[in-house]
Protein backbone atom coordinates (compact mmCIF):
# COMPACT_ATOMS: atom_id res chain seq x y z
CA UNK A 1 -28.04 84.03 55.08
CA UNK A 2 -29.52 82.05 52.25
CA UNK A 3 -29.61 78.33 52.68
CA UNK A 4 -29.72 75.91 49.74
CA UNK A 5 -31.10 72.42 49.96
CA UNK A 6 -28.48 69.72 49.79
CA UNK A 7 -29.30 67.24 47.04
CA UNK A 8 -28.41 63.60 47.64
CA UNK A 9 -25.56 62.24 45.57
CA UNK A 10 -26.48 59.53 43.01
CA UNK A 11 -25.92 56.04 44.25
CA UNK A 12 -22.86 54.38 42.87
CA UNK A 13 -23.17 50.85 41.58
CA UNK A 14 -20.70 48.36 40.19
CA UNK A 15 -23.15 46.91 37.62
CA UNK A 16 -23.61 48.28 34.11
CA UNK A 17 -25.51 47.26 30.97
CA UNK A 18 -23.19 46.46 28.05
CA UNK A 19 -23.80 48.26 24.80
CA UNK A 20 -25.43 46.06 22.17
CA UNK A 21 -22.95 44.52 19.70
CA UNK A 22 -23.20 45.89 16.18
CA UNK A 23 -24.94 43.61 13.71
CA UNK A 24 -22.53 41.75 11.43
CA UNK A 25 -22.39 43.14 7.93
CA UNK A 26 -24.17 41.09 5.27
CA UNK A 27 -21.88 38.76 3.31
CA UNK A 28 -20.58 40.20 0.05
CA UNK A 29 -22.26 39.00 -3.08
CA UNK A 30 -20.66 37.60 -6.21
CA UNK A 31 -22.01 36.30 -9.52
CA UNK A 32 -22.15 32.58 -10.18
CA UNK A 33 -23.52 30.35 -12.93
CA UNK A 34 -26.75 28.63 -11.92
CA UNK A 35 -29.28 26.26 -13.44
CA UNK A 36 -32.02 28.48 -14.81
CA UNK A 37 -35.39 27.47 -16.27
CA UNK A 38 -34.02 28.05 -19.78
CA UNK A 39 -30.44 26.91 -19.24
CA UNK A 40 -27.40 28.40 -17.51
CA UNK A 41 -27.87 31.91 -16.12
CA UNK A 42 -26.06 34.35 -13.84
CA UNK A 43 -27.24 34.67 -10.24
CA UNK A 44 -25.93 36.62 -7.26
CA UNK A 45 -25.09 34.92 -4.00
CA UNK A 46 -22.69 35.00 -1.03
CA UNK A 47 -19.13 35.31 -2.25
CA UNK A 48 -17.07 32.14 -2.03
CA UNK A 49 -13.41 32.25 -3.09
CA UNK A 50 -13.78 28.78 -4.60
CA UNK A 51 -15.23 28.45 -7.20
CA UNK A 52 -16.43 32.06 -7.53
CA UNK A 53 -12.88 33.40 -7.81
CA UNK A 54 -12.34 31.12 -10.80
CA UNK A 55 -15.70 32.01 -12.29
CA UNK A 56 -15.00 35.74 -12.19
CA UNK A 57 -11.89 35.21 -14.33
CA UNK A 58 -13.92 34.08 -17.33
CA UNK A 59 -17.08 36.15 -16.79
CA UNK A 60 -15.53 38.87 -18.97
CA UNK A 61 -15.42 36.54 -21.98
CA UNK A 62 -18.54 34.39 -21.48
CA UNK A 63 -21.95 36.07 -21.24
CA UNK A 64 -25.03 34.45 -19.76
CA UNK A 65 -28.44 36.04 -19.20
CA UNK A 66 -29.42 37.03 -15.68
CA UNK A 67 -31.48 34.46 -13.83
CA UNK A 68 -35.19 35.34 -13.60
CA UNK A 69 -36.17 37.36 -10.54
CA UNK A 70 -37.47 35.33 -7.62
CA UNK A 71 -39.80 36.27 -4.75
CA UNK A 72 -37.99 37.41 -1.64
CA UNK A 73 -38.90 34.17 0.11
CA UNK A 74 -37.51 31.96 -2.65
CA UNK A 75 -33.93 30.69 -2.27
CA UNK A 76 -31.42 31.62 -4.97
CA UNK A 77 -30.93 29.05 -7.74
CA UNK A 78 -28.38 26.37 -7.06
CA UNK A 79 -24.98 26.78 -8.73
CA UNK A 80 -24.00 24.37 -11.49
CA UNK A 81 -22.01 21.53 -9.94
CA UNK A 82 -18.73 20.70 -11.76
CA UNK A 83 -19.09 17.03 -10.76
CA UNK A 84 -22.52 16.86 -12.39
CA UNK A 85 -21.06 18.16 -15.66
CA UNK A 86 -18.14 15.70 -15.43
CA UNK A 87 -20.38 12.66 -14.86
CA UNK A 88 -22.73 13.70 -17.67
CA UNK A 89 -19.81 14.06 -20.11
CA UNK A 90 -18.18 10.82 -18.90
CA UNK A 91 -21.28 8.86 -19.88
CA UNK A 92 -21.13 10.18 -23.47
CA UNK A 93 -17.41 9.75 -24.18
CA UNK A 94 -16.70 7.31 -27.06
CA UNK A 95 -14.25 5.15 -25.11
CA UNK A 96 -11.92 2.93 -27.17
CA UNK A 97 -13.02 -0.63 -27.89
CA UNK A 98 -10.45 -3.46 -28.12
CA UNK A 99 -10.15 -5.58 -31.27
CA UNK A 100 -8.89 -8.91 -29.91
CA UNK A 101 -7.33 -11.73 -31.89
CA UNK A 102 -5.24 -14.80 -31.10
CA UNK A 103 -2.66 -15.55 -33.81
CA UNK A 104 -2.63 -17.57 -35.97
CA UNK A 105 -6.41 -17.79 -35.62
CA UNK A 106 -6.60 -21.02 -33.58
CA UNK A 107 -4.96 -22.60 -30.51
CA UNK A 108 -3.41 -25.99 -29.80
CA UNK A 109 -4.27 -27.89 -26.62
CA UNK A 110 -1.45 -27.78 -24.08
CA UNK A 111 0.24 -24.86 -25.86
CA UNK A 112 0.17 -21.26 -24.69
CA UNK A 113 -2.15 -19.02 -26.71
CA UNK A 114 -1.33 -15.29 -26.70
CA UNK A 115 -4.14 -12.73 -26.90
CA UNK A 116 -3.54 -9.52 -28.89
CA UNK A 117 -5.86 -6.74 -27.70
CA UNK A 118 -5.29 -4.16 -30.47
CA UNK A 119 -6.66 -1.37 -28.28
CA UNK A 120 -5.33 1.30 -25.95
CA UNK A 121 -5.30 1.72 -22.18
CA UNK A 122 -4.38 5.43 -22.24
CA UNK A 123 -6.27 7.44 -24.88
CA UNK A 124 -5.68 11.21 -25.24
CA UNK A 125 -7.65 13.41 -22.83
CA UNK A 126 -11.28 14.11 -23.72
CA UNK A 127 -12.40 17.75 -23.46
CA UNK A 128 -15.68 19.63 -23.61
CA UNK A 129 -16.65 23.30 -23.29
CA UNK A 130 -19.11 23.87 -20.42
CA UNK A 131 -20.67 26.92 -18.73
CA UNK A 132 -17.87 26.65 -16.16
CA UNK A 133 -15.07 26.51 -18.72
CA UNK A 134 -13.12 23.65 -20.31
CA UNK A 135 -13.79 20.21 -18.82
CA UNK A 136 -10.94 17.70 -19.17
CA UNK A 137 -11.28 13.94 -18.62
CA UNK A 138 -8.28 11.59 -18.75
CA UNK A 139 -9.30 7.91 -18.99
CA UNK A 140 -7.32 4.78 -18.14
CA UNK A 141 -8.29 1.20 -19.02
CA UNK A 142 -7.51 -2.32 -17.77
CA UNK A 143 -8.41 -5.64 -19.42
CA UNK A 144 -10.35 -8.63 -18.08
CA UNK A 145 -10.51 -11.82 -20.16
CA UNK A 146 -13.00 -14.69 -20.24
CA UNK A 147 -11.35 -17.44 -22.29
CA UNK A 148 -14.69 -19.21 -22.79
CA UNK A 149 -13.63 -22.73 -21.80
CA UNK A 150 -15.11 -22.72 -18.29
CA UNK A 151 -11.74 -22.48 -16.56
CA UNK A 152 -11.56 -20.77 -13.16
CA UNK A 153 -11.49 -18.00 -12.41
CA UNK A 154 -13.90 -17.12 -15.20
CA UNK A 155 -12.29 -13.69 -15.65
CA UNK A 156 -8.51 -13.32 -15.58
CA UNK A 157 -6.79 -9.98 -14.99
CA UNK A 158 -6.86 -7.10 -14.64
CA UNK A 159 -4.13 -6.46 -17.21
CA UNK A 160 -2.86 -2.89 -17.36
CA UNK A 161 -0.86 -3.42 -20.54
CA UNK A 162 -1.81 -4.26 -24.11
CA UNK A 163 -1.84 -7.90 -25.15
CA UNK A 164 0.99 -8.74 -27.57
CA UNK A 165 1.75 -11.82 -29.72
CA UNK A 166 4.38 -14.42 -28.84
CA UNK A 167 7.03 -14.07 -27.47
CA UNK A 168 6.38 -10.72 -25.76
CA UNK A 169 2.72 -11.16 -24.84
CA UNK A 170 1.66 -10.99 -21.20
CA UNK A 171 -2.00 -12.02 -21.71
CA UNK A 172 -2.02 -15.76 -22.37
CA UNK A 173 -3.92 -18.96 -21.70
CA UNK A 174 -3.49 -22.72 -22.12
CA UNK A 175 -6.52 -24.63 -23.44
CA UNK A 176 -6.83 -28.24 -22.28
CA UNK A 177 -9.67 -29.46 -24.48
CA UNK A 178 -10.53 -29.36 -28.15
CA UNK A 179 -13.57 -27.22 -28.93
CA UNK A 180 -14.96 -23.96 -30.17
CA UNK A 181 -15.05 -21.12 -27.65
CA UNK A 182 -16.08 -17.47 -27.39
CA UNK A 183 -13.26 -15.34 -25.98
CA UNK A 184 -14.59 -12.16 -24.36
CA UNK A 185 -12.46 -9.11 -23.65
CA UNK A 186 -13.73 -6.37 -21.33
CA UNK A 187 -11.86 -3.11 -20.86
CA UNK A 188 -12.84 -1.42 -17.61
CA UNK A 189 -12.36 2.34 -17.43
CA UNK A 190 -11.56 4.83 -14.69
CA UNK A 191 -10.78 8.51 -15.18
CA UNK A 192 -9.70 11.74 -13.53
CA UNK A 193 -11.45 15.02 -14.34
CA UNK A 194 -10.83 18.72 -13.75
CA UNK A 195 -13.09 21.75 -14.21
CA UNK A 196 -13.14 25.29 -12.74
CA UNK A 197 -10.64 24.45 -10.02
CA UNK A 198 -12.47 21.26 -8.99
CA UNK A 199 -11.32 17.69 -9.74
CA UNK A 200 -12.14 14.08 -8.95
CA UNK A 201 -12.32 10.51 -10.23
CA UNK A 202 -14.84 8.59 -12.34
CA UNK A 203 -15.47 4.88 -12.89
CA UNK A 204 -18.12 2.34 -13.80
CA UNK A 205 -17.80 2.15 -17.60
CA UNK A 206 -16.56 -0.73 -19.76
CA UNK A 207 -16.17 -1.57 -23.43
CA UNK A 208 -16.45 -5.16 -24.63
CA UNK A 209 -15.35 -7.17 -27.66
CA UNK A 210 -15.22 -10.88 -28.43
CA UNK A 211 -13.63 -13.53 -30.62
CA UNK A 212 -16.57 -15.78 -31.55
CA UNK A 213 -16.15 -19.44 -32.48
CA UNK A 214 -12.45 -19.57 -31.63
CA UNK A 215 -11.09 -23.02 -32.54
CA UNK A 216 -8.90 -25.11 -30.25
CA UNK A 217 -7.34 -28.10 -31.99
CA UNK A 218 -5.07 -30.96 -31.01
CA UNK A 219 -1.90 -32.21 -32.62
CA UNK A 220 -1.10 -35.92 -32.63
CA UNK A 221 2.21 -37.39 -33.58
CA UNK A 222 2.20 -40.14 -36.17
CA UNK A 223 5.04 -42.65 -36.18
CA UNK A 224 5.86 -44.19 -39.53
CA UNK A 225 7.60 -47.56 -39.26
């Protein structure tokens, strides 16, 4: 009889080492317009549906040079910010200036004087072509008036409508004293902008005009016996 050695069975255990999780795939890359050393250029970066999805729609019609190569340690160039382009354009827009007058060219103490602004509070939209497409800015103005006679408050308004002559005018003032005054009209501007799927609001600009040496006179009744 041949005997065989009996091998011990492997010990059973309830613990096990989990398999390592697979490394996440790198994010997909997409082209975007960046600020290059010589102007706008195309760079590659992690895909972002907004604004990259919009950018890819016009890449077929607008060509920019590739951004210069960077060392591996250098971060990719920053994309062009639509807000930066909107603010830059906003500061160059030739906003309308009012041309104020008070008919008939003087005022009478105690009588209502009506200011005519001869301007606009809603000009047509302003547009500009940018590396991100067409930038549109829609401005809206309101009027503030300093009547020049030291009355309080110094500035009246804001008035959202144009000043009109009597009897339809809504921007008016009553002078109490005879004198010569400078009437100052400020039109304060806000705006909404849109570019490459982004939008926002703008403010902080004003246009100013004045009526110098505006005369205020007094009428006196004369009784003839």
